[in-house]
C-alpha atoms as a PDB file:
ATOM      1  CA  MET A   1      27.681 -24.178   5.121  1.00  0.00           C
ATOM      2  CA  ALA A   2      27.300 -28.008   5.146  1.00  0.00           C
ATOM      3  CA  VAL A   3      25.133 -27.910   2.149  1.00  0.00           C
ATOM      4  CA  ILE A   4      27.940 -25.998   0.089  1.00  0.00           C
ATOM      5  CA  GLY A   5      30.497 -28.534   1.332  1.00  0.00           C
ATOM      6  CA  ASN A   6      28.259 -31.381   0.120  1.00  0.00           C
ATOM      7  CA  ILE A   7      27.907 -29.847  -3.235  1.00  0.00           C
ATOM      8  CA  MET A   8      31.668 -29.211  -3.572  1.00  0.00           C
ATOM      9  CA  ALA A   9      32.250 -32.806  -2.628  1.00  0.00           C
ATOM     10  CA  GLN A  10      29.739 -34.203  -5.195  1.00  0.00           C
ATOM     11  CA  ALA A  11      31.143 -31.910  -7.851  1.00  0.00           C
ATOM     12  CA  ALA A  12      34.663 -33.075  -7.132  1.00  0.00           C
ATOM     13  CA  ALA A  13      33.660 -36.841  -7.380  1.00  0.00           C
ATOM     14  CA  LEU A  14      32.057 -36.268 -10.795  1.00  0.00           C
ATOM     15  CA  ARG A  15      34.993 -34.714 -12.448  1.00  0.00           C
ATOM     16  CA  PRO A  16      37.293 -37.007 -14.552  1.00  0.00           C
ATOM     17  CA  ALA A  17      40.489 -37.908 -13.204  1.00  0.00           C
ATOM     18  CA  GLU A  18      42.455 -36.192 -15.982  1.00  0.00           C
ATOM     19  CA  LEU A  19      40.807 -32.862 -15.297  1.00  0.00           C
ATOM     20  CA  THR A  20      41.482 -32.740 -11.439  1.00  0.00           C
ATOM     21  CA  GLU A  21      44.990 -33.870 -11.836  1.00  0.00           C
ATOM     22  CA  GLY A  22      46.788 -30.510 -13.144  1.00  0.00           C
ATOM     23  CA  THR A  23      44.470 -28.222 -11.423  1.00  0.00           C
ATOM     24  CA  ASP A  24      44.876 -27.103  -7.828  1.00  0.00           C
ATOM     25  CA  LEU A  25      41.685 -28.542  -5.857  1.00  0.00           C
ATOM     26  CA  LYS A  26      41.836 -25.746  -3.349  1.00  0.00           C
ATOM     27  CA  SER A  27      41.243 -23.075  -5.872  1.00  0.00           C
ATOM     28  CA  SER A  28      38.518 -24.875  -7.810  1.00  0.00           C
ATOM     29  CA  SER A  29      36.564 -25.367  -4.443  1.00  0.00           C
ATOM     30  CA  VAL A  30      36.930 -21.634  -3.840  1.00  0.00           C
ATOM     31  CA  ARG A  31      35.649 -20.787  -7.292  1.00  0.00           C
ATOM     32  CA  LEU A  32      32.718 -23.497  -7.108  1.00  0.00           C
ATOM     33  CA  THR A  33      31.931 -21.843  -3.426  1.00  0.00           C
ATOM     34  CA  THR A  34      31.885 -18.402  -4.856  1.00  0.00           C
ATOM     35  CA  ALA A  35      29.665 -19.370  -7.877  1.00  0.00           C
ATOM     36  CA  VAL A  36      27.277 -21.232  -5.359  1.00  0.00           C
ATOM     37  CA  ALA A  37      27.139 -17.984  -3.098  1.00  0.00           C
ATOM     38  CA  LEU A  38      26.557 -15.795  -6.161  1.00  0.00           C
ATOM     39  CA  CYS A  39      23.713 -18.018  -7.342  1.00  0.00           C
ATOM     40  CA  LEU A  40      22.204 -17.916  -3.778  1.00  0.00           C
ATOM     41  CA  LEU A  41      22.613 -14.187  -3.375  1.00  0.00           C
ATOM     42  CA  GLY A  42      21.035 -13.726  -6.791  1.00  0.00           C
ATOM     43  CA  SER A  43      18.003 -15.765  -5.956  1.00  0.00           C
ATOM     44  CA  GLY A  44      17.544 -13.941  -2.685  1.00  0.00           C
ATOM     45  CA  MET A  45      17.863 -10.498  -4.377  1.00  0.00           C
ATOM     46  CA  SER A  46      15.260 -11.526  -6.875  1.00  0.00           C
ATOM     47  CA  GLY A  47      12.621 -10.888  -4.392  1.00  0.00           C
ATOM     48  CA  CYS A  48      13.539  -7.047  -3.748  1.00  0.00           C
ATOM     49  CA  VAL A  49      11.549  -5.647  -6.334  1.00  0.00           C
ATOM     50  CA  TYR A  50      10.139  -2.123  -6.383  1.00  0.00           C
ATOM     51  CA  ARG A  51       6.599  -1.982  -5.926  1.00  0.00           C
ATOM     52  CA  MET A  52       4.751   1.268  -6.816  1.00  0.00           C
ATOM     53  CA  ASN A  53       1.902   2.575  -4.706  1.00  0.00           C
ATOM     54  CA  ILE A  54      -1.630   1.815  -5.968  1.00  0.00           C
ATOM     55  CA  GLN A  55      -4.519   4.074  -5.546  1.00  0.00           C
ATOM     56  CA  GLN A  56      -7.936   3.550  -6.695  1.00  0.00           C
ATOM     57  CA  GLY A  57     -11.462   5.068  -6.031  1.00  0.00           C
ATOM     58  CA  ASN A  58     -12.678   8.231  -4.578  1.00  0.00           C
ATOM     59  CA  PHE A  59     -10.316   9.803  -2.123  1.00  0.00           C
ATOM     60  CA  LEU A  60     -12.568  10.505   1.026  1.00  0.00           C
ATOM     61  CA  GLU A  61     -11.597  13.022   3.518  1.00  0.00           C
ATOM     62  CA  GLY A  62     -13.105  13.433   6.826  1.00  0.00           C
ATOM     63  CA  ARG A  63     -13.869  17.037   6.505  1.00  0.00           C
ATOM     64  CA  THR A  64     -15.644  16.521   3.213  1.00  0.00           C
ATOM     65  CA  VAL A  65     -17.704  13.610   4.624  1.00  0.00           C
ATOM     66  CA  ASP A  66     -18.505  15.650   7.692  1.00  0.00           C
ATOM     67  CA  GLN A  67     -20.184  18.253   5.126  1.00  0.00           C
ATOM     68  CA  LEU A  68     -22.625  15.456   4.175  1.00  0.00           C
ATOM     69  CA  GLN A  69     -26.031  15.926   5.715  1.00  0.00           C
ATOM     70  CA  VAL A  70     -29.394  14.242   5.466  1.00  0.00           C
ATOM     71  CA  GLY A  71     -31.674  15.931   3.066  1.00  0.00           C
ATOM     72  CA  MET A  72     -29.136  17.036   0.467  1.00  0.00           C
ATOM     73  CA  THR A  73     -30.219  16.294  -3.108  1.00  0.00           C
ATOM     74  CA  THR A  74     -28.199  13.953  -5.458  1.00  0.00           C
ATOM     75  CA  LYS A  75     -26.615  16.782  -7.346  1.00  0.00           C
ATOM     76  CA  GLN A  76     -25.318  18.396  -4.155  1.00  0.00           C
ATOM     77  CA  VAL A  77     -23.753  15.057  -2.994  1.00  0.00           C
ATOM     78  CA  ARG A  78     -22.212  14.684  -6.278  1.00  0.00           C
ATOM     79  CA  TYR A  79     -20.733  18.156  -6.188  1.00  0.00           C
ATOM     80  CA  LEU A  80     -19.334  17.533  -2.805  1.00  0.00           C
ATOM     81  CA  LEU A  81     -18.089  13.966  -3.132  1.00  0.00           C
ATOM     82  CA  GLY A  82     -17.778  13.291  -6.977  1.00  0.00           C
ATOM     83  CA  THR A  83     -19.350  10.523  -8.918  1.00  0.00           C
ATOM     84  CA  PRO A  84     -19.548   7.300  -6.907  1.00  0.00           C
ATOM     85  CA  MET A  85     -17.069   4.389  -7.782  1.00  0.00           C
ATOM     86  CA  VAL A  86     -19.542   1.722  -7.951  1.00  0.00           C
ATOM     87  CA  PRO A  87     -22.314   2.072 -10.568  1.00  0.00           C
ATOM     88  CA  THR A  88     -25.810   1.804  -9.473  1.00  0.00           C
ATOM     89  CA  THR A  89     -26.788  -1.251 -11.405  1.00  0.00           C
ATOM     90  CA  PHE A  90     -29.478  -2.880  -9.104  1.00  0.00           C
ATOM     91  CA  ASP A  91     -30.416  -0.066  -6.689  1.00  0.00           C
ATOM     92  CA  LYS A  92     -30.703   3.429  -7.782  1.00  0.00           C
ATOM     93  CA  ASP A  93     -31.022   4.781  -4.279  1.00  0.00           C
ATOM     94  CA  ARG A  94     -27.683   3.693  -3.099  1.00  0.00           C
ATOM     95  CA  TRP A  95     -24.156   5.213  -3.909  1.00  0.00           C
ATOM     96  CA  ASP A  96     -21.040   3.445  -2.987  1.00  0.00           C
ATOM     97  CA  TYR A  97     -17.830   5.495  -2.673  1.00  0.00           C
ATOM     98  CA  LEU A  98     -14.626   3.222  -2.243  1.00  0.00           C
ATOM     99  CA  TYR A  99     -10.960   4.291  -1.855  1.00  0.00           C
ATOM    100  CA  TYR A 100      -8.154   1.923  -1.690  1.00  0.00           C
ATOM    101  CA  PHE A 101      -4.561   2.852  -1.228  1.00  0.00           C
ATOM    102  CA  LYS A 102      -1.621   0.285  -1.031  1.00  0.00           C
ATOM    103  CA  PHE A 103       1.774   1.453  -0.012  1.00  0.00           C
ATOM    104  CA  GLY A 104       4.455  -0.603  -1.899  1.00  0.00           C
ATOM    105  CA  ARG A 105       4.312  -4.239  -0.866  1.00  0.00           C
ATOM    106  CA  LEU A 106       5.014  -4.354   3.004  1.00  0.00           C
ATOM    107  CA  LYS A 107       2.321  -2.139   4.411  1.00  0.00           C
ATOM    108  CA  GLN A 108      -1.212  -2.759   4.865  1.00  0.00           C
ATOM    109  CA  PRO A 109      -3.518  -0.988   2.487  1.00  0.00           C
ATOM    110  CA  VAL A 110      -5.790   1.840   3.419  1.00  0.00           C
ATOM    111  CA  GLN A 111      -9.381   1.021   2.496  1.00  0.00           C
ATOM    112  CA  ARG A 112     -12.361   3.580   3.048  1.00  0.00           C
ATOM    113  CA  HIS A 113     -15.962   3.032   2.222  1.00  0.00           C
ATOM    114  CA  LEU A 114     -18.962   5.396   2.267  1.00  0.00           C
ATOM    115  CA  ILE A 115     -22.598   4.357   1.452  1.00  0.00           C
ATOM    116  CA  VAL A 116     -25.130   7.019   0.685  1.00  0.00           C
ATOM    117  CA  TYR A 117     -28.882   6.061   0.813  1.00  0.00           C
ATOM    118  CA  PHE A 118     -31.426   8.070  -1.113  1.00  0.00           C
ATOM    119  CA  LYS A 119     -35.296   8.241  -1.216  1.00  0.00           C
ATOM    120  CA  ASP A 120     -36.993  10.666  -3.495  1.00  0.00           C
ATOM    121  CA  ASP A 121     -33.583  11.992  -4.499  1.00  0.00           C
ATOM    122  CA  LYS A 122     -32.765  13.048  -1.051  1.00  0.00           C
ATOM    123  CA  VAL A 123     -30.106  11.749   1.410  1.00  0.00           C
ATOM    124  CA  VAL A 124     -31.858   9.430   3.975  1.00  0.00           C
ATOM    125  CA  ARG A 125     -28.859   8.178   5.704  1.00  0.00           C
ATOM    126  CA  PHE A 126     -25.141   7.188   5.112  1.00  0.00           C
ATOM    127  CA  GLU A 127     -22.675   4.891   6.656  1.00  0.00           C
ATOM    128  CA  ARG A 128     -19.214   5.570   6.851  1.00  0.00           C
ATOM    129  CA  ASP A 129     -16.359   2.933   7.361  1.00  0.00           C
ATOM    130  CA  ASN A 130     -12.692   3.774   8.081  1.00  0.00           C
ATOM    131  CA  ILE A 131     -13.235   7.307   7.176  1.00  0.00           C
ATOM    132  CA  PRO A 132     -11.365   9.653   9.736  1.00  0.00           C
ATOM    133  CA  TYR A 133     -13.523  12.397  11.337  1.00  0.00           C
ATOM    134  CA  ALA A 134     -12.360  16.082  11.121  1.00  0.00           C
ATOM    135  CA  SER A 135      -9.735  16.896  13.883  1.00  0.00           C
ATOM    136  CA  PRO A 136     -11.771  19.006  16.563  1.00  0.00           C
ATOM    137  CA  GLN A 137     -10.765  22.594  16.505  1.00  0.00           C
ATOM    138  CA  ALA A 138      -8.994  24.078  19.704  1.00  0.00           C
ATOM    139  CA  PRO A 139     -10.398  27.304  20.956  1.00  0.00           C
ATOM    140  CA  ASP A 140      -8.137  30.287  20.499  1.00  0.00           C
ATOM    141  CA  ASN A 141      -6.993  31.295  24.047  1.00  0.00           C
ATOM    142  CA  SER A 142      -3.805  33.100  23.015  1.00  0.00           C
ATOM    143  CA  PRO A 143      -3.672  36.903  23.924  1.00  0.00           C
ATOM    144  CA  PRO A 144      -4.560  39.308  21.242  1.00  0.00           C
ATOM    145  CA  ILE A 145      -1.627  40.765  19.269  1.00  0.00           C
ATOM    146  CA  GLU A 146      -2.006  44.254  20.573  1.00  0.00           C
ATOM    147  CA  LYS A 147      -0.657  43.034  24.166  1.00  0.00           C
ATOM    148  CA  PHE A 148       2.781  42.205  22.640  1.00  0.00           C
ATOM    149  CA  PRO A 149       5.333  45.007  23.075  1.00  0.00           C
ATOM    150  CA  LYS A 150       6.405  46.753  19.739  1.00  0.00           C
ATOM    151  CA  ILE A 151       9.987  46.717  19.022  1.00  0.00           C
END
């Protein structure tokens, strides 16, 4: 508030005497305060811009990656996971699957990375980074349907 008071005092000092004689000083200071407040509000609101979600790469689910096995052929891997995101320029025996998802502007992005290594067109090993594992299935301990009474 002290900054706004200083601005109003400076604005009043800069006006010529003939302009300030016939006007009410209190109403002009209210108008100036309102104008300054609106400018500050407008500059503060300029940062509130909608940011859309950004999704790039191959979506990697844990249950799909869990089906990947050592000994699979390149065609089987391509059928299961799709075409790799990063082209194999230097190393034909390594496929990189990348996934990136950015939620708006405030949340941290989700990043997943899967590297599949081949030798003689067969999967030798693979490395998964930040890919969730499939959720474990609980055994079905519920009673069979026949035990419930018929209504």
